[in-house]
PDB file of N, CA and C in Angstrom:
ATOM      1  N   MET A   1       0.829  -1.204   0.000  1.00  0.00           N
ATOM      2  CA  MET A   1       0.000   0.000   0.000  1.00  0.00           C
ATOM      3  C   MET A   1       0.867   1.260   0.000  1.00  0.00           C
ATOM      4  N   TRP A   2       1.780   1.379   0.999  1.00  0.00           N
ATOM      5  CA  TRP A   2       2.584   2.593   1.098  1.00  0.00           C
ATOM      6  C   TRP A   2       3.491   2.746  -0.123  1.00  0.00           C
ATOM      7  N   GLU A   3       4.074   1.659  -0.567  1.00  0.00           N
ATOM      8  CA  GLU A   3       4.953   1.722  -1.749  1.00  0.00           C
ATOM      9  C   GLU A   3       4.180   2.178  -2.983  1.00  0.00           C
ATOM     10  N   GLU A   4       2.925   1.732  -3.109  1.00  0.00           N
ATOM     11  CA  GLU A   4       2.088   2.163  -4.233  1.00  0.00           C
ATOM     12  C   GLU A   4       1.788   3.656  -4.127  1.00  0.00           C
ATOM     13  N   GLN A   5       1.531   4.126  -2.917  1.00  0.00           N
ATOM     14  CA  GLN A   5       1.268   5.545  -2.709  1.00  0.00           C
ATOM     15  C   GLN A   5       2.508   6.382  -2.997  1.00  0.00           C
ATOM     16  N   LEU A   6       3.673   5.870  -2.625  1.00  0.00           N
ATOM     17  CA  LEU A   6       4.926   6.569  -2.916  1.00  0.00           C
ATOM     18  C   LEU A   6       5.102   6.708  -4.426  1.00  0.00           C
ATOM     19  N   LYS A   7       4.845   5.643  -5.153  1.00  0.00           N
ATOM     20  CA  LYS A   7       4.957   5.675  -6.615  1.00  0.00           C
ATOM     21  C   LYS A   7       3.965   6.695  -7.187  1.00  0.00           C
ATOM     22  N   PHE A   8       2.749   6.688  -6.677  1.00  0.00           N
ATOM     23  CA  PHE A   8       1.719   7.625  -7.135  1.00  0.00           C
ATOM     24  C   PHE A   8       2.140   9.068  -6.852  1.00  0.00           C
ATOM     25  N   TYR A   9       2.613   9.319  -5.634  1.00  0.00           N
ATOM     26  CA  TYR A   9       3.079  10.652  -5.238  1.00  0.00           C
ATOM     27  C   TYR A   9       4.208  11.104  -6.165  1.00  0.00           C
ATOM     28  N   ASP A  10       5.162  10.206  -6.407  1.00  0.00           N
ATOM     29  CA  ASP A  10       6.275  10.543  -7.294  1.00  0.00           C
ATOM     30  C   ASP A  10       5.799  10.866  -8.710  1.00  0.00           C
ATOM     31  N   GLU A  11       4.777  10.172  -9.187  1.00  0.00           N
ATOM     32  CA  GLU A  11       4.238  10.456 -10.519  1.00  0.00           C
ATOM     33  C   GLU A  11       3.675  11.875 -10.586  1.00  0.00           C
ATOM     34  N   ILE A  12       3.022  12.295  -9.504  1.00  0.00           N
ATOM     35  CA  ILE A  12       2.480  13.658  -9.483  1.00  0.00           C
ATOM     36  C   ILE A  12       3.622  14.674  -9.458  1.00  0.00           C
ATOM     37  N   VAL A  13       4.605  14.441  -8.585  1.00  0.00           N
ATOM     38  CA  VAL A  13       5.756  15.357  -8.497  1.00  0.00           C
ATOM     39  C   VAL A  13       6.474  15.433  -9.842  1.00  0.00           C
ATOM     40  N   ASP A  14       6.580  14.301 -10.530  1.00  0.00           N
ATOM     41  CA  ASP A  14       7.254  14.285 -11.836  1.00  0.00           C
ATOM     42  C   ASP A  14       6.549  15.165 -12.867  1.00  0.00           C
ATOM     43  N   MET A  15       5.284  15.470 -12.640  1.00  0.00           N
ATOM     44  CA  MET A  15       4.526  16.343 -13.547  1.00  0.00           C
ATOM     45  C   MET A  15       4.786  17.821 -13.253  1.00  0.00           C
ATOM     46  N   CYS A  16       5.597  18.089 -12.251  1.00  0.00           N
ATOM     47  CA  CYS A  16       5.860  19.452 -11.788  1.00  0.00           C
ATOM     48  C   CYS A  16       7.358  19.754 -11.919  1.00  0.00           C
ATOM     49  N   PRO A  17       7.791  20.350 -13.014  1.00  0.00           N
ATOM     50  CA  PRO A  17       9.219  20.530 -13.271  1.00  0.00           C
ATOM     51  C   PRO A  17       9.936  21.534 -12.362  1.00  0.00           C
ATOM     52  N   ASP A  18       9.207  22.341 -11.595  1.00  0.00           N
ATOM     53  CA  ASP A  18       9.847  23.373 -10.774  1.00  0.00           C
ATOM     54  C   ASP A  18      10.370  22.876  -9.431  1.00  0.00           C
ATOM     55  N   PHE A  19      10.053  21.642  -9.063  1.00  0.00           N
ATOM     56  CA  PHE A  19      10.516  21.113  -7.779  1.00  0.00           C
ATOM     57  C   PHE A  19      10.638  19.597  -7.856  1.00  0.00           C
ATOM     58  N   GLU A  20      11.244  19.020  -6.823  1.00  0.00           N
ATOM     59  CA  GLU A  20      11.441  17.575  -6.794  1.00  0.00           C
ATOM     60  C   GLU A  20      11.100  17.027  -5.415  1.00  0.00           C
ATOM     61  N   ARG A  21      10.867  15.724  -5.388  1.00  0.00           N
ATOM     62  CA  ARG A  21      10.554  15.042  -4.142  1.00  0.00           C
ATOM     63  C   ARG A  21      11.815  14.908  -3.306  1.00  0.00           C
ATOM     64  N   LYS A  22      11.660  15.034  -1.991  1.00  0.00           N
ATOM     65  CA  LYS A  22      12.768  14.891  -1.062  1.00  0.00           C
ATOM     66  C   LYS A  22      12.406  13.861  -0.005  1.00  0.00           C
ATOM     67  N   GLY A  23      13.415  13.431   0.731  1.00  0.00           N
ATOM     68  CA  GLY A  23      13.192  12.518   1.841  1.00  0.00           C
ATOM     69  C   GLY A  23      13.286  11.058   1.456  1.00  0.00           C
ATOM     70  N   LYS A  24      13.627  10.236   2.456  1.00  0.00           N
ATOM     71  CA  LYS A  24      13.697   8.790   2.262  1.00  0.00           C
ATOM     72  C   LYS A  24      12.629   8.080   3.076  1.00  0.00           C
ATOM     73  N   SER A  25      12.480   8.450   4.338  1.00  0.00           N
ATOM     74  CA  SER A  25      11.417   7.852   5.142  1.00  0.00           C
ATOM     75  C   SER A  25      10.264   8.840   5.320  1.00  0.00           C
ATOM     76  N   MET A  26      10.584  10.110   5.422  1.00  0.00           N
ATOM     77  CA  MET A  26       9.558  11.158   5.435  1.00  0.00           C
ATOM     78  C   MET A  26       9.594  11.808   4.051  1.00  0.00           C
ATOM     79  N   ILE A  27       8.538  11.606   3.300  1.00  0.00           N
ATOM     80  CA  ILE A  27       8.493  12.023   1.900  1.00  0.00           C
ATOM     81  C   ILE A  27       7.814  13.393   1.807  1.00  0.00           C
ATOM     82  N   TYR A  28       8.467  14.337   1.106  1.00  0.00           N
ATOM     83  CA  TYR A  28       7.928  15.693   1.032  1.00  0.00           C
ATOM     84  C   TYR A  28       8.509  16.448  -0.146  1.00  0.00           C
ATOM     85  N   THR A  29       7.926  17.620  -0.385  1.00  0.00           N
ATOM     86  CA  THR A  29       8.510  18.611  -1.278  1.00  0.00           C
ATOM     87  C   THR A  29       8.683  19.879  -0.450  1.00  0.00           C
ATOM     88  N   SER A  30       9.670  20.686  -0.815  1.00  0.00           N
ATOM     89  CA  SER A  30       9.881  21.936  -0.080  1.00  0.00           C
ATOM     90  C   SER A  30      10.467  22.998  -0.998  1.00  0.00           C
ATOM     91  N   SER A  31      10.226  24.236  -0.592  1.00  0.00           N
ATOM     92  CA  SER A  31      10.774  25.393  -1.291  1.00  0.00           C
ATOM     93  C   SER A  31      10.745  26.572  -0.339  1.00  0.00           C
ATOM     94  N   ASN A  32      11.706  27.462  -0.457  1.00  0.00           N
ATOM     95  CA  ASN A  32      11.729  28.688   0.326  1.00  0.00           C
ATOM     96  C   ASN A  32      11.807  28.392   1.830  1.00  0.00           C
ATOM     97  N   GLY A  33      12.283  27.184   2.189  1.00  0.00           N
ATOM     98  CA  GLY A  33      12.390  26.793   3.590  1.00  0.00           C
ATOM     99  C   GLY A  33      11.130  26.166   4.163  1.00  0.00           C
ATOM    100  N   TYR A  34      10.126  25.926   3.338  1.00  0.00           N
ATOM    101  CA  TYR A  34       8.846  25.375   3.790  1.00  0.00           C
ATOM    102  C   TYR A  34       8.521  24.080   3.052  1.00  0.00           C
ATOM    103  N   MET A  35       8.070  23.071   3.794  1.00  0.00           N
ATOM    104  CA  MET A  35       7.498  21.896   3.148  1.00  0.00           C
ATOM    105  C   MET A  35       6.136  22.313   2.601  1.00  0.00           C
ATOM    106  N   PHE A  36       5.766  21.750   1.451  1.00  0.00           N
ATOM    107  CA  PHE A  36       4.458  22.128   0.917  1.00  0.00           C
ATOM    108  C   PHE A  36       3.607  20.963   0.450  1.00  0.00           C
ATOM    109  N   THR A  37       4.159  19.784   0.291  1.00  0.00           N
ATOM    110  CA  THR A  37       3.368  18.564   0.131  1.00  0.00           C
ATOM    111  C   THR A  37       4.047  17.487   0.953  1.00  0.00           C
ATOM    112  N   LEU A  38       3.240  16.548   1.426  1.00  0.00           N
ATOM    113  CA  LEU A  38       3.749  15.459   2.254  1.00  0.00           C
ATOM    114  C   LEU A  38       3.054  14.156   1.905  1.00  0.00           C
ATOM    115  N   LEU A  39       3.765  13.066   2.094  1.00  0.00           N
ATOM    116  CA  LEU A  39       3.185  11.729   2.052  1.00  0.00           C
ATOM    117  C   LEU A  39       3.461  11.130   3.422  1.00  0.00           C
ATOM    118  N   ASN A  40       2.418  10.924   4.227  1.00  0.00           N
ATOM    119  CA  ASN A  40       2.642  10.422   5.584  1.00  0.00           C
ATOM    120  C   ASN A  40       2.780   8.907   5.615  1.00  0.00           C
ATOM    121  N   LYS A  41       3.053   8.364   6.797  1.00  0.00           N
ATOM    122  CA  LYS A  41       3.292   6.924   6.921  1.00  0.00           C
ATOM    123  C   LYS A  41       2.037   6.104   6.639  1.00  0.00           C
ATOM    124  N   ALA A  42       0.860   6.745   6.684  1.00  0.00           N
ATOM    125  CA  ALA A  42      -0.388   6.065   6.344  1.00  0.00           C
ATOM    126  C   ALA A  42      -0.647   6.078   4.834  1.00  0.00           C
ATOM    127  N   GLY A  43       0.254   6.733   4.071  1.00  0.00           N
ATOM    128  CA  GLY A  43       0.090   6.806   2.621  1.00  0.00           C
ATOM    129  C   GLY A  43      -0.850   7.905   2.178  1.00  0.00           C
ATOM    130  N   GLU A  44      -1.135   8.852   3.071  1.00  0.00           N
ATOM    131  CA  GLU A  44      -2.028   9.957   2.739  1.00  0.00           C
ATOM    132  C   GLU A  44      -1.224  11.153   2.249  1.00  0.00           C
ATOM    133  N   ILE A  45      -1.794  11.858   1.283  1.00  0.00           N
ATOM    134  CA  ILE A  45      -1.131  13.018   0.705  1.00  0.00           C
ATOM    135  C   ILE A  45      -1.730  14.287   1.291  1.00  0.00           C
ATOM    136  N   GLY A  46      -0.853  15.186   1.709  1.00  0.00           N
ATOM    137  CA  GLY A  46      -1.273  16.488   2.199  1.00  0.00           C
ATOM    138  C   GLY A  46      -0.662  17.589   1.355  1.00  0.00           C
ATOM    139  N   VAL A  47      -1.431  18.647   1.151  1.00  0.00           N
ATOM    140  CA  VAL A  47      -0.980  19.785   0.360  1.00  0.00           C
ATOM    141  C   VAL A  47      -1.189  21.060   1.174  1.00  0.00           C
ATOM    142  N   ARG A  48      -0.157  21.879   1.227  1.00  0.00           N
ATOM    143  CA  ARG A  48      -0.226  23.150   1.964  1.00  0.00           C
ATOM    144  C   ARG A  48      -0.762  24.229   1.039  1.00  0.00           C
ATOM    145  N   LEU A  49      -1.817  24.917   1.488  1.00  0.00           N
ATOM    146  CA  LEU A  49      -2.459  25.945   0.677  1.00  0.00           C
ATOM    147  C   LEU A  49      -2.715  27.195   1.512  1.00  0.00           C
ATOM    148  N   SER A  50      -2.943  28.302   0.833  1.00  0.00           N
ATOM    149  CA  SER A  50      -3.332  29.538   1.518  1.00  0.00           C
ATOM    150  C   SER A  50      -4.672  29.305   2.213  1.00  0.00           C
ATOM    151  N   LYS A  51      -5.005  30.163   3.155  1.00  0.00           N
ATOM    152  CA  LYS A  51      -6.280  30.032   3.890  1.00  0.00           C
ATOM    153  C   LYS A  51      -7.469  29.995   2.928  1.00  0.00           C
ATOM    154  N   GLU A  52      -7.471  30.880   1.948  1.00  0.00           N
ATOM    155  CA  GLU A  52      -8.580  30.935   0.994  1.00  0.00           C
ATOM    156  C   GLU A  52      -8.658  29.650   0.165  1.00  0.00           C
ATOM    157  N   SER A  53      -7.511  29.196  -0.293  1.00  0.00           N
ATOM    158  CA  SER A  53      -7.482  27.985  -1.113  1.00  0.00           C
ATOM    159  C   SER A  53      -7.826  26.748  -0.293  1.00  0.00           C
ATOM    160  N   GLN A  54      -7.418  26.724   0.977  1.00  0.00           N
ATOM    161  CA  GLN A  54      -7.789  25.600   1.854  1.00  0.00           C
ATOM    162  C   GLN A  54      -9.306  25.494   1.950  1.00  0.00           C
ATOM    163  N   LYS A  55      -9.931  26.626   2.221  1.00  0.00           N
ATOM    164  CA  LYS A  55     -11.385  26.654   2.378  1.00  0.00           C
ATOM    165  C   LYS A  55     -12.070  26.169   1.099  1.00  0.00           C
ATOM    166  N   ALA A  56     -11.640  26.687  -0.027  1.00  0.00           N
ATOM    167  CA  ALA A  56     -12.230  26.297  -1.304  1.00  0.00           C
ATOM    168  C   ALA A  56     -11.999  24.812  -1.594  1.00  0.00           C
ATOM    169  N   PHE A  57     -10.796  24.324  -1.322  1.00  0.00           N
ATOM    170  CA  PHE A  57     -10.460  22.922  -1.560  1.00  0.00           C
ATOM    171  C   PHE A  57     -11.337  22.016  -0.698  1.00  0.00           C
ATOM    172  N   LYS A  58     -11.462  22.363   0.590  1.00  0.00           N
ATOM    173  CA  LYS A  58     -12.266  21.548   1.502  1.00  0.00           C
ATOM    174  C   LYS A  58     -13.722  21.493   1.052  1.00  0.00           C
ATOM    175  N   GLU A  59     -14.260  22.628   0.647  1.00  0.00           N
ATOM    176  CA  GLU A  59     -15.652  22.673   0.213  1.00  0.00           C
ATOM    177  C   GLU A  59     -15.861  21.944  -1.113  1.00  0.00           C
ATOM    178  N   LYS A  60     -14.992  22.183  -2.056  1.00  0.00           N
ATOM    179  CA  LYS A  60     -15.145  21.599  -3.395  1.00  0.00           C
ATOM    180  C   LYS A  60     -14.947  20.087  -3.397  1.00  0.00           C
ATOM    181  N   HIS A  61     -13.984  19.602  -2.576  1.00  0.00           N
ATOM    182  CA  HIS A  61     -13.615  18.187  -2.640  1.00  0.00           C
ATOM    183  C   HIS A  61     -13.991  17.396  -1.390  1.00  0.00           C
ATOM    184  N   ASP A  62     -14.795  18.012  -0.511  1.00  0.00           N
ATOM    185  CA  ASP A  62     -15.212  17.360   0.734  1.00  0.00           C
ATOM    186  C   ASP A  62     -13.981  16.827   1.485  1.00  0.00           C
ATOM    187  N   ALA A  63     -13.001  17.687   1.643  1.00  0.00           N
ATOM    188  CA  ALA A  63     -11.721  17.330   2.261  1.00  0.00           C
ATOM    189  C   ALA A  63     -11.672  17.817   3.708  1.00  0.00           C
ATOM    190  N   THR A  64     -10.673  17.325   4.427  1.00  0.00           N
ATOM    191  CA  THR A  64     -10.505  17.675   5.840  1.00  0.00           C
ATOM    192  C   THR A  64      -9.064  18.116   6.093  1.00  0.00           C
ATOM    193  N   ILE A  65      -8.766  18.313   7.374  1.00  0.00           N
ATOM    194  CA  ILE A  65      -7.405  18.655   7.782  1.00  0.00           C
ATOM    195  C   ILE A  65      -6.482  17.473   7.514  1.00  0.00           C
ATOM    196  N   TYR A  66      -5.199  17.740   7.500  1.00  0.00           N
ATOM    197  CA  TYR A  66      -4.198  16.710   7.240  1.00  0.00           C
ATOM    198  C   TYR A  66      -3.368  16.475   8.494  1.00  0.00           C
ATOM    199  N   LYS A  67      -3.172  15.197   8.804  1.00  0.00           N
ATOM    200  CA  LYS A  67      -2.334  14.823   9.937  1.00  0.00           C
ATOM    201  C   LYS A  67      -1.160  14.001   9.442  1.00  0.00           C
ATOM    202  N   SER A  68      -0.012  14.242  10.033  1.00  0.00           N
ATOM    203  CA  SER A  68       1.178  13.460   9.726  1.00  0.00           C
ATOM    204  C   SER A  68       1.842  13.099  11.049  1.00  0.00           C
ATOM    205  N   TYR A  69       2.090  11.832  11.242  1.00  0.00           N
ATOM    206  CA  TYR A  69       2.706  11.340  12.474  1.00  0.00           C
ATOM    207  C   TYR A  69       1.941  11.818  13.707  1.00  0.00           C
ATOM    208  N   GLY A  70       0.600  11.822  13.608  1.00  0.00           N
ATOM    209  CA  GLY A  70      -0.265  12.169  14.726  1.00  0.00           C
ATOM    210  C   GLY A  70      -0.485  13.656  14.952  1.00  0.00           C
ATOM    211  N   ALA A  71       0.212  14.492  14.220  1.00  0.00           N
ATOM    212  CA  ALA A  71       0.091  15.943  14.416  1.00  0.00           C
ATOM    213  C   ALA A  71      -0.715  16.570  13.285  1.00  0.00           C
ATOM    214  N   VAL A  72      -1.576  17.515  13.640  1.00  0.00           N
ATOM    215  CA  VAL A  72      -2.303  18.282  12.625  1.00  0.00           C
ATOM    216  C   VAL A  72      -1.307  19.221  11.957  1.00  0.00           C
ATOM    217  N   MET A  73      -1.241  19.158  10.658  1.00  0.00           N
ATOM    218  CA  MET A  73      -0.305  19.982   9.902  1.00  0.00           C
ATOM    219  C   MET A  73      -0.994  21.291   9.513  1.00  0.00           C
ATOM    220  N   LYS A  74      -0.478  22.376  10.076  1.00  0.00           N
ATOM    221  CA  LYS A  74      -1.047  23.704   9.836  1.00  0.00           C
ATOM    222  C   LYS A  74      -0.996  24.051   8.343  1.00  0.00           C
ATOM    223  N   ASP A  75      -2.103  24.548   7.846  1.00  0.00           N
ATOM    224  CA  ASP A  75      -2.259  25.010   6.462  1.00  0.00           C
ATOM    225  C   ASP A  75      -2.349  23.872   5.434  1.00  0.00           C
ATOM    226  N   TYR A  76      -2.395  22.627   5.883  1.00  0.00           N
ATOM    227  CA  TYR A  76      -2.476  21.492   4.961  1.00  0.00           C
ATOM    228  C   TYR A  76      -3.900  20.965   4.868  1.00  0.00           C
ATOM    229  N   VAL A  77      -4.229  20.435   3.709  1.00  0.00           N
ATOM    230  CA  VAL A  77      -5.484  19.715   3.505  1.00  0.00           C
ATOM    231  C   VAL A  77      -5.143  18.282   3.103  1.00  0.00           C
ATOM    232  N   LEU A  78      -6.023  17.371   3.494  1.00  0.00           N
ATOM    233  CA  LEU A  78      -5.883  15.971   3.114  1.00  0.00           C
ATOM    234  C   LEU A  78      -6.467  15.792   1.722  1.00  0.00           C
ATOM    235  N   VAL A  79      -5.694  15.224   0.817  1.00  0.00           N
ATOM    236  CA  VAL A  79      -6.192  14.955  -0.532  1.00  0.00           C
ATOM    237  C   VAL A  79      -7.090  13.715  -0.461  1.00  0.00           C
ATOM    238  N   PRO A  80      -8.386  13.873  -0.741  1.00  0.00           N
ATOM    239  CA  PRO A  80      -9.285  12.716  -0.691  1.00  0.00           C
ATOM    240  C   PRO A  80      -8.973  11.723  -1.809  1.00  0.00           C
ATOM    241  N   GLU A  81      -9.195  10.455  -1.519  1.00  0.00           N
ATOM    242  CA  GLU A  81      -8.880   9.412  -2.492  1.00  0.00           C
ATOM    243  C   GLU A  81      -9.632   9.558  -3.809  1.00  0.00           C
ATOM    244  N   HIS A  82     -10.824  10.163  -3.778  1.00  0.00           N
ATOM    245  CA  HIS A  82     -11.578  10.292  -5.040  1.00  0.00           C
ATOM    246  C   HIS A  82     -10.875  11.222  -6.036  1.00  0.00           C
ATOM    247  N   LEU A  83      -9.882  11.986  -5.577  1.00  0.00           N
ATOM    248  CA  LEU A  83      -9.120  12.837  -6.503  1.00  0.00           C
ATOM    249  C   LEU A  83      -7.936  12.099  -7.130  1.00  0.00           C
ATOM    250  N   TYR A  84      -7.644  10.912  -6.646  1.00  0.00           N
ATOM    251  CA  TYR A  84      -6.491  10.163  -7.154  1.00  0.00           C
ATOM    252  C   TYR A  84      -6.636   9.782  -8.622  1.00  0.00           C
ATOM    253  N   ASN A  85      -7.854   9.843  -9.148  1.00  0.00           N
ATOM    254  CA  ASN A  85      -8.083   9.509 -10.551  1.00  0.00           C
ATOM    255  C   ASN A  85      -7.716  10.644 -11.498  1.00  0.00           C
ATOM    256  N   ASP A  86      -7.362  11.802 -10.942  1.00  0.00           N
ATOM    257  CA  ASP A  86      -7.061  12.964 -11.776  1.00  0.00           C
ATOM    258  C   ASP A  86      -5.677  13.526 -11.415  1.00  0.00           C
ATOM    259  N   LYS A  87      -4.656  12.882 -11.944  1.00  0.00           N
ATOM    260  CA  LYS A  87      -3.278  13.299 -11.627  1.00  0.00           C
ATOM    261  C   LYS A  87      -2.994  14.729 -12.078  1.00  0.00           C
ATOM    262  N   ALA A  88      -3.566  15.136 -13.190  1.00  0.00           N
ATOM    263  CA  ALA A  88      -3.340  16.505 -13.676  1.00  0.00           C
ATOM    264  C   ALA A  88      -3.899  17.520 -12.682  1.00  0.00           C
ATOM    265  N   LEU A  89      -5.069  17.245 -12.133  1.00  0.00           N
ATOM    266  CA  LEU A  89      -5.651  18.144 -11.137  1.00  0.00           C
ATOM    267  C   LEU A  89      -4.773  18.181  -9.883  1.00  0.00           C
ATOM    268  N   LEU A  90      -4.319  17.019  -9.434  1.00  0.00           N
ATOM    269  CA  LEU A  90      -3.450  16.977  -8.261  1.00  0.00           C
ATOM    270  C   LEU A  90      -2.151  17.729  -8.519  1.00  0.00           C
ATOM    271  N   ALA A  91      -1.586  17.566  -9.694  1.00  0.00           N
ATOM    272  CA  ALA A  91      -0.364  18.299 -10.035  1.00  0.00           C
ATOM    273  C   ALA A  91      -0.617  19.803 -10.001  1.00  0.00           C
ATOM    274  N   SER A  92      -1.811  20.229 -10.411  1.00  0.00           N
ATOM    275  CA  SER A  92      -2.116  21.667 -10.363  1.00  0.00           C
ATOM    276  C   SER A  92      -2.170  22.155  -8.918  1.00  0.00           C
ATOM    277  N   TYR A  93      -2.665  21.331  -8.004  1.00  0.00           N
ATOM    278  CA  TYR A  93      -2.662  21.721  -6.586  1.00  0.00           C
ATOM    279  C   TYR A  93      -1.243  21.722  -6.020  1.00  0.00           C
ATOM    280  N   PHE A  94      -0.409  20.778  -6.431  1.00  0.00           N
ATOM    281  CA  PHE A  94       0.994  20.781  -5.998  1.00  0.00           C
ATOM    282  C   PHE A  94       1.675  22.069  -6.468  1.00  0.00           C
ATOM    283  N   LYS A  95       1.406  22.462  -7.715  1.00  0.00           N
ATOM    284  CA  LYS A  95       2.001  23.687  -8.259  1.00  0.00           C
ATOM    285  C   LYS A  95       1.481  24.919  -7.534  1.00  0.00           C
ATOM    286  N   GLU A  96       0.189  24.930  -7.224  1.00  0.00           N
ATOM    287  CA  GLU A  96      -0.381  26.045  -6.469  1.00  0.00           C
ATOM    288  C   GLU A  96       0.277  26.143  -5.094  1.00  0.00           C
ATOM    289  N   SER A  97       0.506  25.006  -4.471  1.00  0.00           N
ATOM    290  CA  SER A  97       1.149  24.972  -3.160  1.00  0.00           C
ATOM    291  C   SER A  97       2.579  25.503  -3.234  1.00  0.00           C
ATOM    292  N   PHE A  98       3.291  25.109  -4.276  1.00  0.00           N
ATOM    293  CA  PHE A  98       4.655  25.596  -4.502  1.00  0.00           C
ATOM    294  C   PHE A  98       4.659  27.120  -4.625  1.00  0.00           C
ATOM    295  N   LYS A  99       3.732  27.652  -5.412  1.00  0.00           N
ATOM    296  CA  LYS A  99       3.644  29.108  -5.571  1.00  0.00           C
ATOM    297  C   LYS A  99       3.316  29.783  -4.246  1.00  0.00           C
ATOM    298  N   TYR A 100       2.418  29.176  -3.477  1.00  0.00           N
ATOM    299  CA  TYR A 100       2.023  29.759  -2.193  1.00  0.00           C
ATOM    300  C   TYR A 100       3.215  29.869  -1.239  1.00  0.00           C
ATOM    301  N   VAL A 101       3.974  28.792  -1.044  1.00  0.00           N
ATOM    302  CA  VAL A 101       5.082  28.867  -0.074  1.00  0.00           C
ATOM    303  C   VAL A 101       6.164  29.828  -0.531  1.00  0.00           C
ATOM    304  N   ASN A 102       6.228  30.069  -1.817  1.00  0.00           N
ATOM    305  CA  ASN A 102       7.222  31.033  -2.303  1.00  0.00           C
ATOM    306  C   ASN A 102       6.785  32.487  -2.119  1.00  0.00           C
ATOM    307  N   THR A 103       5.537  32.683  -1.640  1.00  0.00           N
ATOM    308  CA  THR A 103       5.102  34.035  -1.282  1.00  0.00           C
ATOM    309  C   THR A 103       5.384  34.332   0.189  1.00  0.00           C
ATOM    310  N   LEU A 104       5.726  33.287   0.953  1.00  0.00           N
ATOM    311  CA  LEU A 104       6.003  33.451   2.385  1.00  0.00           C
ATOM    312  C   LEU A 104       7.433  33.957   2.602  1.00  0.00           C
ATOM    313  N   LYS A 105       7.626  34.596   3.734  1.00  0.00           N
ATOM    314  CA  LYS A 105       8.968  35.083   4.084  1.00  0.00           C
ATOM    315  C   LYS A 105       9.905  33.868   4.197  1.00  0.00           C
ATOM    316  N   PRO A 106      11.055  33.896   3.488  1.00  0.00           N
ATOM    317  CA  PRO A 106      11.964  32.748   3.522  1.00  0.00           C
ATOM    318  C   PRO A 106      12.405  32.400   4.945  1.00  0.00           C
ATOM    319  N   LYS A 107      12.563  31.112   5.189  1.00  0.00           N
ATOM    320  CA  LYS A 107      13.047  30.663   6.505  1.00  0.00           C
ATOM    321  C   LYS A 107      14.558  30.662   6.522  1.00  0.00           C
TER     322      LYS A 107
END
């Protein structure tokens, strides 16, 4: 299960030429000193979005907060499984997340 999710996550990241996947046991993408997508140990994908985009994403896709290693991840939404059929849409959210963290003050 987790290995399949890792492969799926990597396929989405591969559709995004501006960044690459990082990590060996904790899988993530980062830019500007901020992680912006994660694959947790349960195989769930989280995407960091602006407050406005989080609200819209949750309403449009019936999504919830994202937890990784038992902690609620601030500014992240859980990607619902029903979106897994649309890799292009997921890649667009990954790209939106990348743009968002690059508007934040660098760490």
